[in-house]
Amino acid sequence: MANYSKAHICQCLSRLSTVRRSSTVMIMGERRKTGIEFVEGVLGLAHGLIQLGLKPGDVVAISALNSDLYLEWLLAVAYVGGITAPFNYRWSLEEARAALQVAKPTILVHDATGNFWKFESYADSVPSLRWQVLMNTPCEGHSTNIRTTGRPKGVTLSHSALVVQSLAKIAIVGYGEDDVYLHTAPLCHIGGISSALALLMAGGCHILLPKFEAKLAVESIDQHSVTSLITVPAMMTDLISFYRTKHISVGSKSVKKVLNGAGGLSSGLIKNAIEIFPRAKLLSAYGMTEACSSLTFMTLYDPARESCIQHSYANSSNLAHKPDGICVGKPAPHIEIRIAGDDLSCIGRILTRGPHLMLGYWGQMPSNNSSPTDECWLDTGDIGHIDDCGNIWLVGRLKGRIKSGGENVYPEEVEAVLLQHPGISASVVIGLPDSRLTEMVVACIRLKDNWQWTDSSSNHPVQNTQEVCGMEKSISNDNNWEIKKRSSESRTYVL
């Protein structure tokens, strides 16, 4: 049994069994569970794991699509003091083998999608593995014993980190027991786990899809009156495209909270998202797995105030020197962030510390006598600065920095400027070797369908944002762009 005098993710079970005892908290297809039914499922599974021989500190690897059973396994393993290692179901056989060798699990759990998991494939390389369990069956009745004879990095997160980050989402996003939350992110990712735990702690109802598909997501939103969900830019794009394909100008008015992560939303996506979910508070988050999900939050649109936050991008002139970038909002209350740089510039490496940090990478954790979060700062690998209002501005990735003519150029900074042009749908900026500049800055650009290039020369002059992609355009009487329809096209220009 776990030590409940400290933060523990299973502390949500008490609330679910009382406040939500007879209320539906899990919906997976036709399967529904009340709070007490879900809790009994977790406790029953925990009892089966103990009977099977799982001991505190043992690792249980899980490779499966999203389901209520996944959440039961996540909590049951933690309840008996075990360690859960979520594996990505998209991994190849070799990637899975490498992950097993790093995690050294005692039990491997998978659903029907993991039929490629074969004991004989891992018996020699993973001697710790003793049982293989099919997720939708009782663990004590369907396990297979492995004879014992005989790299990706694993981020180790504490219960305290998971709990404090979940509490931050409850406070900032506003999750509550009245929420109906649609699982769009996979539970093998920290974003999916963190938001799931936040809703478990708040006592909301979980709508689980095996994996994200725009059609299924929209159907679930309408059928269950979903109030909250999380997205990444690709998901938001797919949702908007689906609504547009069905000629639906306004989506479900039940959605009240949308949290976007894993990349910023463009101004166009924000505008379309507001049209699709007019009653939803739209937020963005910036974070990383090593920080147990979100470091900062920013409100992009608040229907209560009828206000939309304007995106702030890097200044187009003298990009290498402007301390701008992309604003990702303010840190959560419990998170410390500072900028490490030289005295001549306010731009530097973004560092963070606090109870949200990982214990370390699996197999590389500090000894019990040292506390990794007391004095140590985690380097996020990002470059940025903090403005006078406390907002964090991302300039780029340290590893992606381009050294051109003695100046530091950050690809994200240039891409942000390019994307302000109404004719550009996507851009990627890279550095290529150059004998004079060391690296020259190159932009790969894709046009929107209604735009075309004005000339075919690869030596197109570039002096400002408009000239980066000089588009052929004419103005009609109603001041709308009147562009000849043609397919999207990509060009590469040296900046």
Protein backbone atom coordinates (compact mmCIF):
# COMPACT_ATOMS: atom_id res chain seq x y z
CA MET A 1 0.00 0.00 0.00
CA ALA A 2 1.25 3.47 -0.85
CA ASN A 3 2.12 6.20 1.66
CA TYR A 4 -0.86 8.53 1.51
CA SER A 5 0.63 11.13 3.85
CA LYS A 6 2.37 12.42 0.72
CA ALA A 7 0.94 13.43 -2.63
CA HIS A 8 -0.31 10.39 -4.54
CA ILE A 9 -2.33 10.10 -7.73
CA CYS A 10 -4.65 7.53 -6.13
CA GLN A 11 -5.95 10.12 -3.68
CA CYS A 12 -8.56 10.92 -6.33
CA LEU A 13 -10.27 7.58 -5.63
CA SER A 14 -11.81 8.78 -2.37
CA ARG A 15 -13.52 11.70 -4.10
CA LEU A 16 -14.75 9.54 -6.96
CA SER A 17 -16.24 6.97 -4.57
CA THR A 18 -18.14 9.59 -2.56
CA VAL A 19 -18.87 12.78 -4.49
CA ARG A 20 -19.31 10.89 -7.77
CA ARG A 21 -20.43 7.57 -6.31
CA SER A 22 -23.55 7.04 -8.45
CA SER A 23 -22.67 9.44 -11.26
CA THR A 24 -21.21 8.31 -14.57
CA VAL A 25 -17.49 9.10 -14.68
CA MET A 26 -16.34 6.84 -17.54
CA ILE A 27 -17.85 6.34 -21.00
CA MET A 28 -16.07 4.08 -23.47
CA GLY A 29 -18.36 3.24 -26.37
CA GLU A 30 -21.34 1.43 -24.86
CA ARG A 31 -19.54 0.82 -21.56
CA ARG A 32 -20.35 3.19 -18.70
CA LYS A 33 -19.05 3.25 -15.14
CA THR A 34 -20.11 5.21 -12.10
CA GLY A 35 -17.60 6.59 -9.64
CA ILE A 36 -17.91 3.63 -7.30
CA GLU A 37 -17.74 1.11 -10.17
CA PHE A 38 -14.54 2.68 -11.46
CA VAL A 39 -12.97 2.73 -7.99
CA GLU A 40 -13.94 -0.90 -7.39
CA GLY A 41 -12.36 -1.78 -10.73
CA VAL A 42 -9.09 -0.12 -9.68
CA LEU A 43 -9.05 -1.80 -6.27
CA GLY A 44 -9.95 -5.19 -7.73
CA LEU A 45 -7.13 -4.93 -10.24
CA ALA A 46 -4.73 -3.84 -7.51
CA HIS A 47 -5.67 -6.92 -5.49
CA GLY A 48 -5.03 -9.10 -8.55
CA LEU A 49 -1.60 -7.53 -9.06
CA ILE A 50 -0.65 -8.29 -5.47
CA GLN A 51 -1.78 -11.89 -5.88
CA LEU A 52 0.21 -12.10 -9.09
CA GLY A 53 3.33 -11.10 -7.18
CA LEU A 54 3.85 -7.45 -8.15
CA LYS A 55 5.99 -5.71 -5.54
CA PRO A 56 6.55 -2.01 -4.76
CA GLY A 57 9.08 -0.62 -7.21
CA ASP A 58 8.28 -3.15 -9.94
CA VAL A 59 7.72 -1.67 -13.39
CA VAL A 60 4.57 -2.35 -15.41
CA ALA A 61 4.79 -1.41 -19.10
CA ILE A 62 1.52 -0.54 -20.85
CA SER A 63 1.04 -0.38 -24.62
CA ALA A 64 -2.57 0.28 -25.52
CA LEU A 65 -5.07 2.67 -27.03
CA ASN A 66 -7.05 4.98 -24.76
CA SER A 67 -9.72 3.33 -22.63
CA ASP A 68 -11.18 3.31 -19.13
CA LEU A 69 -9.19 0.12 -18.54
CA TYR A 70 -5.96 2.03 -19.25
CA LEU A 71 -6.84 4.48 -16.47
CA GLU A 72 -7.66 1.59 -14.13
CA TRP A 73 -4.25 0.03 -14.79
CA LEU A 74 -2.50 3.37 -14.31
CA LEU A 75 -4.06 3.84 -10.87
CA ALA A 76 -3.96 0.18 -9.78
CA VAL A 77 -0.22 -0.12 -10.42
CA ALA A 78 0.37 3.09 -8.46
CA TYR A 79 -1.93 1.89 -5.67
CA VAL A 80 0.29 -1.10 -4.91
CA GLY A 81 3.48 0.95 -5.19
CA GLY A 82 4.44 -0.08 -8.71
CA ILE A 83 5.81 2.12 -11.48
CA THR A 84 3.91 2.55 -14.75
CA ALA A 85 5.85 2.86 -18.00
CA PRO A 86 3.47 4.00 -20.77
CA PHE A 87 4.68 2.74 -24.16
CA ASN A 88 3.66 4.30 -27.45
CA TYR A 89 1.45 1.87 -29.36
CA ARG A 90 2.85 3.29 -32.62
CA TRP A 91 6.36 2.02 -31.91
CA SER A 92 7.99 -0.45 -34.22
CA LEU A 93 9.19 -3.82 -32.94
CA GLU A 94 12.75 -2.53 -32.55
CA GLU A 95 11.63 0.64 -30.76
CA ALA A 96 9.53 -1.44 -28.40
CA ARG A 97 12.45 -3.77 -27.71
CA ALA A 98 14.73 -0.82 -26.91
CA ALA A 99 12.12 0.65 -24.54
CA LEU A 100 11.73 -2.68 -22.74
CA GLN A 101 15.47 -2.93 -22.26
CA VAL A 102 15.52 0.54 -20.67
CA ALA A 103 12.41 0.17 -18.48
CA LYS A 104 13.06 -3.47 -17.45
CA PRO A 105 9.38 -4.17 -16.67
CA THR A 106 8.09 -7.09 -14.65
CA ILE A 107 4.73 -7.06 -16.43
CA LEU A 108 3.85 -6.10 -20.00
CA VAL A 109 0.22 -5.08 -20.55
CA HIS A 110 -1.26 -4.55 -24.00
CA ASP A 111 -4.60 -4.51 -25.75
CA ALA A 112 -5.62 -6.15 -29.02
CA THR A 113 -3.53 -3.65 -31.00
CA GLY A 114 -0.36 -5.07 -29.45
CA ASN A 115 -0.46 -8.54 -30.96
CA PHE A 116 3.14 -8.12 -32.09
CA TRP A 117 4.25 -8.30 -28.43
CA LYS A 118 5.58 -11.85 -28.28
CA PHE A 119 7.34 -13.25 -25.26
CA GLU A 120 9.80 -15.18 -27.31
CA SER A 121 10.91 -11.92 -28.92
CA TYR A 122 12.03 -10.43 -25.59
CA ALA A 123 12.82 -13.36 -23.29
CA ASP A 124 16.57 -13.14 -23.74
CA SER A 125 16.97 -9.36 -23.99
CA VAL A 126 14.57 -8.45 -21.13
CA PRO A 127 15.12 -11.00 -18.35
CA SER A 128 13.06 -8.94 -15.87
CA LEU A 129 9.86 -9.60 -17.83
CA ARG A 130 7.81 -12.30 -16.09
CA TRP A 131 4.22 -11.79 -17.23
CA GLN A 132 2.33 -10.63 -20.28
CA VAL A 133 -1.26 -9.50 -19.74
CA LEU A 134 -4.06 -8.73 -22.17
CA MET A 135 -5.65 -5.54 -20.89
CA ASN A 136 -9.32 -6.47 -21.22
CA THR A 137 -8.97 -9.67 -19.19
CA PRO A 138 -8.35 -10.29 -15.46
CA CYS A 139 -4.63 -10.12 -14.86
CA GLU A 140 -4.53 -13.12 -12.55
CA GLY A 141 -6.17 -15.41 -15.09
CA HIS A 142 -4.45 -14.53 -18.32
CA SER A 143 -0.75 -14.16 -17.74
CA THR A 144 2.11 -16.07 -19.24
CA ASN A 145 5.29 -16.88 -17.38
CA ILE A 146 8.66 -16.10 -18.95
CA ARG A 147 11.68 -18.11 -18.13
CA THR A 148 14.55 -16.06 -16.77
CA THR A 149 18.01 -16.66 -18.25
CA GLY A 150 20.21 -14.36 -18.52
CA ARG A 151 17.92 3.18 -26.06
CA PRO A 152 15.30 5.55 -25.48
CA LYS A 153 15.32 7.84 -22.42
CA GLY A 154 12.68 7.27 -19.76
CA VAL A 155 11.54 10.34 -17.82
CA THR A 156 10.80 9.45 -14.19
CA LEU A 157 7.98 11.52 -12.70
CA SER A 158 6.97 11.57 -9.04
CA HIS A 159 3.45 11.49 -7.63
CA SER A 160 4.05 15.01 -6.30
CA ALA A 161 4.89 16.30 -9.78
CA LEU A 162 1.82 14.67 -11.32
CA VAL A 163 -0.48 15.95 -8.57
CA VAL A 164 0.83 19.53 -8.53
CA GLN A 165 0.61 19.79 -12.31
CA SER A 166 -2.94 18.43 -12.26
CA LEU A 167 -3.90 20.98 -9.61
CA ALA A 168 -2.44 23.73 -11.81
CA LYS A 169 -4.69 22.67 -14.69
CA ILE A 170 -7.72 22.55 -12.39
CA ALA A 171 -6.98 26.09 -11.19
CA ILE A 172 -6.01 27.69 -14.51
CA VAL A 173 -8.18 25.86 -17.05
CA GLY A 174 -11.04 25.56 -14.58
CA TYR A 175 -11.83 21.84 -14.60
CA GLY A 176 -14.60 20.75 -12.22
CA GLU A 177 -16.92 17.85 -11.42
CA ASP A 178 -19.48 19.16 -13.93
CA ASP A 179 -17.01 18.78 -16.79
CA VAL A 180 -17.45 16.20 -19.52
CA TYR A 181 -13.93 15.70 -20.84
CA LEU A 182 -13.13 14.20 -24.24
CA HIS A 183 -9.84 12.29 -24.34
CA THR A 184 -8.16 13.31 -27.58
CA ALA A 185 -4.50 12.94 -26.58
CA PRO A 186 -3.04 9.43 -26.17
CA LEU A 187 -2.51 8.32 -22.57
CA CYS A 188 1.03 7.28 -23.45
CA HIS A 189 1.93 11.00 -23.69
CA ILE A 190 2.39 13.29 -20.70
CA GLY A 191 -0.21 15.73 -22.03
CA GLY A 192 -2.84 13.01 -22.07
CA ILE A 193 -1.87 11.64 -18.65
CA SER A 194 -1.69 15.05 -16.95
CA SER A 195 -5.10 16.20 -18.17
CA ALA A 196 -6.64 12.81 -17.38
CA LEU A 197 -5.37 13.01 -13.79
CA ALA A 198 -6.65 16.57 -13.49
CA LEU A 199 -10.15 15.41 -14.44
CA LEU A 200 -9.91 12.40 -12.12
CA MET A 201 -9.02 14.73 -9.25
CA ALA A 202 -11.77 17.19 -10.17
CA GLY A 203 -14.30 14.37 -10.48
CA GLY A 204 -15.38 15.04 -14.06
CA CYS A 205 -16.77 12.57 -16.57
CA HIS A 206 -14.34 10.99 -19.07
CA ILE A 207 -15.32 10.29 -22.68
CA LEU A 208 -12.71 7.94 -24.11
CA LEU A 209 -11.94 7.38 -27.77
CA PRO A 210 -9.36 4.70 -28.65
CA LYS A 211 -7.51 7.33 -30.67
CA PHE A 212 -8.27 10.71 -32.16
CA GLU A 213 -10.29 10.92 -35.35
CA ALA A 214 -12.06 14.16 -36.19
CA LYS A 215 -15.34 12.45 -37.16
CA LEU A 216 -15.51 10.39 -33.95
CA ALA A 217 -14.50 13.38 -31.85
CA VAL A 218 -17.25 15.59 -33.29
CA GLU A 219 -19.82 12.81 -32.87
CA SER A 220 -18.77 12.35 -29.23
CA ILE A 221 -18.91 16.09 -28.58
CA ASP A 222 -22.48 16.22 -29.86
CA GLN A 223 -23.65 12.96 -28.30
CA HIS A 224 -22.26 13.56 -24.81
CA SER A 225 -22.36 17.37 -24.66
CA VAL A 226 -18.61 17.52 -24.12
CA THR A 227 -17.50 20.60 -22.18
CA SER A 228 -13.71 20.32 -22.36
CA LEU A 229 -10.95 18.83 -24.48
CA ILE A 230 -7.30 19.31 -25.31
CA THR A 231 -5.81 19.64 -28.78
CA VAL A 232 -2.57 19.99 -30.68
CA PRO A 233 -2.48 22.14 -33.84
CA ALA A 234 -2.97 19.11 -36.10
CA MET A 235 -6.07 18.02 -34.16
CA MET A 236 -7.54 21.51 -34.24
CA THR A 237 -6.91 21.68 -37.98
CA ASP A 238 -8.67 18.33 -38.50
CA LEU A 239 -11.65 19.38 -36.36
CA ILE A 240 -12.06 22.64 -38.26
CA SER A 241 -11.71 20.86 -41.62
CA PHE A 242 -14.37 18.32 -40.64
CA TYR A 243 -16.83 21.02 -39.62
CA ARG A 244 -16.13 22.93 -42.83
CA THR A 245 -16.57 19.78 -44.94
CA LYS A 246 -19.99 19.27 -43.36
CA HIS A 247 -20.77 22.96 -43.99
CA ILE A 248 -21.17 23.55 -40.27
CA SER A 249 -20.22 27.12 -39.44
CA VAL A 250 -20.69 26.78 -35.67
CA GLY A 251 -19.83 23.65 -33.71
CA SER A 252 -21.15 22.44 -30.39
CA LYS A 253 -21.99 25.19 -27.93
CA SER A 254 -21.47 22.77 -25.04
CA VAL A 255 -17.67 23.09 -25.28
CA LYS A 256 -16.46 25.57 -22.65
CA LYS A 257 -12.73 24.84 -22.37
CA VAL A 258 -10.13 23.99 -25.01
CA LEU A 259 -6.46 23.67 -24.04
CA ASN A 260 -3.95 23.52 -26.89
CA GLY A 261 -0.41 22.23 -26.50
CA ALA A 262 2.54 20.77 -28.43
CA GLY A 263 2.87 23.87 -30.62
CA GLY A 264 1.23 27.23 -31.05
CA LEU A 265 -1.94 27.92 -33.01
CA SER A 266 -1.66 30.28 -35.95
CA SER A 267 -3.84 33.38 -36.06
CA GLY A 268 -5.98 31.67 -38.69
CA LEU A 269 -6.50 28.58 -36.55
CA ILE A 270 -7.40 30.72 -33.54
CA LYS A 271 -10.01 32.59 -35.57
CA ASN A 272 -11.50 29.36 -36.91
CA ALA A 273 -11.43 27.69 -33.49
CA ILE A 274 -13.40 30.58 -32.01
CA GLU A 275 -15.98 30.23 -34.77
CA ILE A 276 -16.27 26.47 -34.24
CA PHE A 277 -16.38 26.66 -30.43
CA PRO A 278 -17.88 30.12 -29.77
CA ARG A 279 -18.54 29.53 -26.07
CA ALA A 280 -15.17 27.98 -25.28
CA LYS A 281 -12.32 29.57 -23.40
CA LEU A 282 -9.31 28.87 -25.61
CA LEU A 283 -5.96 28.47 -23.88
CA SER A 284 -2.49 27.43 -24.93
CA ALA A 285 0.20 25.71 -22.87
CA TYR A 286 3.95 25.36 -23.24
CA GLY A 287 5.75 22.51 -21.54
CA MET A 288 7.77 19.33 -21.81
CA THR A 289 7.77 15.79 -20.45
CA GLU A 290 10.72 16.48 -18.13
CA ALA A 291 8.61 19.19 -16.46
CA CYS A 292 5.58 16.89 -16.16
CA SER A 293 3.60 18.73 -18.83
CA SER A 294 2.77 22.44 -18.80
CA LEU A 295 5.11 25.20 -17.64
CA THR A 296 3.14 28.21 -18.84
CA PHE A 297 -0.43 29.02 -19.83
CA MET A 298 -1.97 31.77 -21.93
CA THR A 299 -5.60 32.61 -22.65
CA LEU A 300 -6.07 33.10 -26.39
CA TYR A 301 -9.81 33.81 -26.24
CA ASP A 302 -12.24 34.35 -23.39
CA PRO A 303 -15.94 34.48 -24.36
CA ALA A 304 -16.79 36.00 -20.97
CA ARG A 305 -14.75 39.05 -21.94
CA GLU A 306 -15.35 38.66 -25.67
CA SER A 307 -11.66 39.28 -26.11
CA CYS A 308 -9.07 37.60 -28.29
CA ILE A 309 -5.40 37.89 -27.45
CA GLN A 310 -3.49 39.13 -30.47
CA HIS A 311 -0.50 37.01 -31.38
CA SER A 312 2.81 38.76 -30.91
CA TYR A 313 5.58 37.75 -33.24
CA ALA A 314 9.16 38.73 -33.85
CA ASN A 315 9.78 42.10 -35.45
CA SER A 316 10.55 41.69 -39.15
CA SER A 317 13.52 44.06 -39.14
CA ASN A 318 16.92 43.00 -37.86
CA LEU A 319 15.60 39.65 -36.65
CA ALA A 320 18.82 38.51 -35.04
CA HIS A 321 18.75 41.35 -32.53
CA LYS A 322 15.09 41.74 -31.61
CA PRO A 323 14.25 40.19 -28.21
CA ASP A 324 10.83 39.09 -29.38
CA GLY A 325 9.62 35.68 -30.53
CA ILE A 326 6.35 34.01 -29.65
CA CYS A 327 4.57 34.64 -26.37
CA VAL A 328 3.60 31.47 -24.45
CA GLY A 329 2.10 33.16 -21.41
CA LYS A 330 2.92 33.14 -17.71
CA PRO A 331 4.20 30.28 -15.54
CA ALA A 332 1.83 28.39 -13.28
CA PRO A 333 1.97 29.69 -9.66
CA HIS A 334 4.20 26.89 -8.35
CA ILE A 335 6.73 27.05 -11.20
CA GLU A 336 9.96 29.04 -11.20
CA ILE A 337 11.45 30.14 -14.51
CA ARG A 338 14.57 32.19 -15.13
CA ILE A 339 16.68 33.16 -18.12
CA ALA A 340 20.36 32.20 -18.19
CA GLY A 341 22.37 34.36 -20.57
CA ASP A 342 25.19 36.85 -20.78
CA ASP A 343 24.95 40.37 -19.38
CA LEU A 344 24.76 41.93 -22.85
CA SER A 345 21.45 40.34 -23.83
CA CYS A 346 18.12 39.67 -22.15
CA ILE A 347 17.77 36.55 -24.30
CA GLY A 348 19.07 33.29 -22.90
CA ARG A 349 18.36 29.68 -22.03
CA ILE A 350 15.01 29.06 -20.34
CA LEU A 351 15.51 27.26 -17.03
CA THR A 352 12.90 25.98 -14.59
CA ARG A 353 12.76 24.40 -11.14
CA GLY A 354 10.11 23.34 -8.67
CA PRO A 355 8.06 20.35 -7.54
CA HIS A 356 6.98 19.71 -11.12
CA LEU A 357 10.39 18.52 -12.28
CA MET A 358 11.25 14.94 -13.10
CA LEU A 359 13.29 12.90 -10.65
CA GLY A 360 15.67 12.19 -13.51
CA TYR A 361 16.02 9.91 -16.48
CA TRP A 362 15.37 6.27 -15.74
CA GLY A 363 18.58 4.63 -14.58
CA GLN A 364 20.29 8.00 -14.07
CA MET A 365 18.44 9.31 -11.02
CA PRO A 366 20.31 10.91 -8.09
CA SER A 367 20.73 9.11 -4.78
CA ASN A 368 18.09 9.34 -2.06
CA ASN A 369 20.33 11.69 -0.08
CA SER A 370 20.14 14.42 -2.73
CA SER A 371 17.11 16.44 -3.73
CA PRO A 372 17.14 17.22 -7.46
CA THR A 373 14.72 20.14 -7.16
CA ASP A 374 16.22 22.09 -4.23
CA GLU A 375 18.95 23.93 -6.11
CA CYS A 376 19.07 22.37 -9.55
CA TRP A 377 17.51 24.10 -12.51
CA LEU A 378 16.31 22.12 -15.53
CA ASP A 379 17.45 23.47 -18.88
CA THR A 380 14.47 23.27 -21.23
CA GLY A 381 16.68 23.56 -24.31
CA ASP A 382 14.69 26.60 -25.44
CA ILE A 383 15.88 30.17 -25.91
CA GLY A 384 13.75 33.11 -24.84
CA HIS A 385 13.20 36.03 -22.52
CA ILE A 386 10.74 37.34 -19.93
CA ASP A 387 8.98 40.66 -20.53
CA ASP A 388 8.02 43.26 -17.94
CA CYS A 389 4.63 41.61 -17.38
CA GLY A 390 6.15 38.20 -16.62
CA ASN A 391 5.26 36.62 -19.96
CA ILE A 392 7.65 34.05 -21.39
CA TRP A 393 8.70 34.63 -24.99
CA LEU A 394 10.16 31.77 -27.02
CA VAL A 395 12.78 32.73 -29.57
CA GLY A 396 13.86 29.25 -30.62
CA ARG A 397 15.53 25.99 -29.74
CA LEU A 398 19.16 26.13 -28.68
CA LYS A 399 20.01 23.18 -30.94
CA GLY A 400 18.17 24.78 -33.86
CA ARG A 401 20.06 28.06 -33.71
CA ILE A 402 21.64 29.17 -37.01
CA LYS A 403 25.00 30.94 -36.89
CA SER A 404 25.00 33.27 -39.89
CA GLY A 405 27.53 36.05 -40.44
CA GLY A 406 28.44 36.09 -36.77
CA GLU A 407 24.83 36.52 -35.66
CA ASN A 408 22.46 34.07 -33.98
CA VAL A 409 19.31 33.48 -36.02
CA TYR A 410 16.52 31.37 -34.56
CA PRO A 411 14.33 29.57 -37.15
CA GLU A 412 11.11 30.02 -35.16
CA GLU A 413 11.68 33.76 -35.15
CA VAL A 414 11.85 33.97 -38.94
CA GLU A 415 9.01 31.46 -39.43
CA ALA A 416 6.74 33.60 -37.25
CA VAL A 417 7.30 36.59 -39.52
CA LEU A 418 6.75 34.58 -42.70
CA LEU A 419 3.46 33.17 -41.40
CA GLN A 420 2.08 36.68 -40.96
CA HIS A 421 1.77 36.89 -44.75
CA PRO A 422 -1.80 35.95 -45.78
CA GLY A 423 -0.56 33.84 -48.68
CA ILE A 424 1.70 31.48 -46.72
CA SER A 425 0.25 28.34 -45.15
CA ALA A 426 3.48 26.83 -43.82
CA SER A 427 7.17 27.62 -43.55
CA VAL A 428 10.31 25.91 -42.32
CA VAL A 429 13.57 27.78 -41.84
CA ILE A 430 16.89 25.92 -41.84
CA GLY A 431 20.58 26.70 -42.00
CA LEU A 432 22.76 25.43 -44.83
CA PRO A 433 26.57 25.44 -44.85
CA ASP A 434 28.08 28.53 -46.47
CA SER A 435 31.75 29.37 -46.91
CA ARG A 436 31.25 33.07 -46.25
CA LEU A 437 28.46 33.17 -43.63
CA THR A 438 29.19 29.79 -42.01
CA GLU A 439 25.46 29.11 -42.43
CA MET A 440 22.97 30.79 -44.71
CA VAL A 441 19.33 31.09 -43.71
CA VAL A 442 16.98 29.25 -46.05
CA ALA A 443 13.17 29.34 -45.96
CA CYS A 444 11.00 26.57 -47.38
CA ILE A 445 7.55 28.03 -48.06
CA ARG A 446 4.18 26.54 -49.02
CA LEU A 447 1.52 28.82 -50.47
CA LYS A 448 -2.19 28.68 -49.81
CA ASP A 449 -4.34 27.32 -52.62
CA ASN A 450 -5.56 30.73 -53.79
CA TRP A 451 -2.09 32.24 -54.18
CA GLN A 452 0.58 32.00 -56.85
CA TRP A 453 4.14 33.17 -57.36
CA THR A 454 4.68 36.26 -59.48
CA ASP A 455 7.87 34.96 -61.08
CA SER A 456 9.72 31.67 -61.44
CA SER A 457 13.18 32.92 -60.54
CA SER A 458 14.88 31.30 -57.59
CA ASN A 459 16.79 34.56 -57.16
CA HIS A 460 13.67 36.42 -56.08
CA PRO A 461 14.78 39.55 -54.18
CA VAL A 462 13.98 39.46 -50.49
CA GLN A 463 13.95 42.76 -48.65
CA ASN A 464 10.93 42.58 -46.39
CA THR A 465 8.08 40.33 -45.41
CA GLN A 466 5.92 41.19 -48.42
CA GLU A 467 8.78 40.47 -50.82
CA VAL A 468 9.58 37.10 -49.28
CA CYS A 469 6.69 35.79 -51.33
CA GLY A 470 5.68 38.44 -53.82
CA MET A 471 2.20 37.32 -54.71
CA GLU A 472 0.16 38.29 -57.73
CA LYS A 473 -2.99 39.93 -56.42
CA SER A 474 -5.68 42.37 -57.41
CA ILE A 475 -8.22 44.30 -55.38
CA SER A 476 -11.91 43.97 -56.17
CA ASN A 477 -14.59 46.56 -55.39
CA ASP A 478 -15.35 45.04 -51.99
CA ASN A 479 -11.67 45.17 -50.99
CA ASN A 480 -11.33 41.38 -50.79
CA TRP A 481 -8.38 39.54 -52.32
CA GLU A 482 -9.21 38.26 -55.78
CA ILE A 483 -6.71 35.51 -56.55
CA LYS A 484 -6.63 33.03 -59.36
CA LYS A 485 -7.39 29.54 -58.03
CA ARG A 486 -4.53 27.09 -58.26
CA SER A 487 -2.92 24.26 -56.31
CA SER A 488 -0.58 24.97 -53.43
CA GLU A 489 3.08 25.14 -54.35
CA SER A 490 6.31 25.07 -52.43
CA ARG A 491 9.34 27.27 -53.01
CA THR A 492 12.67 27.61 -51.26
CA TYR A 493 14.35 30.98 -50.88
CA VAL A 494 17.65 32.07 -49.42
CA LEU A 495 17.07 34.89 -46.93
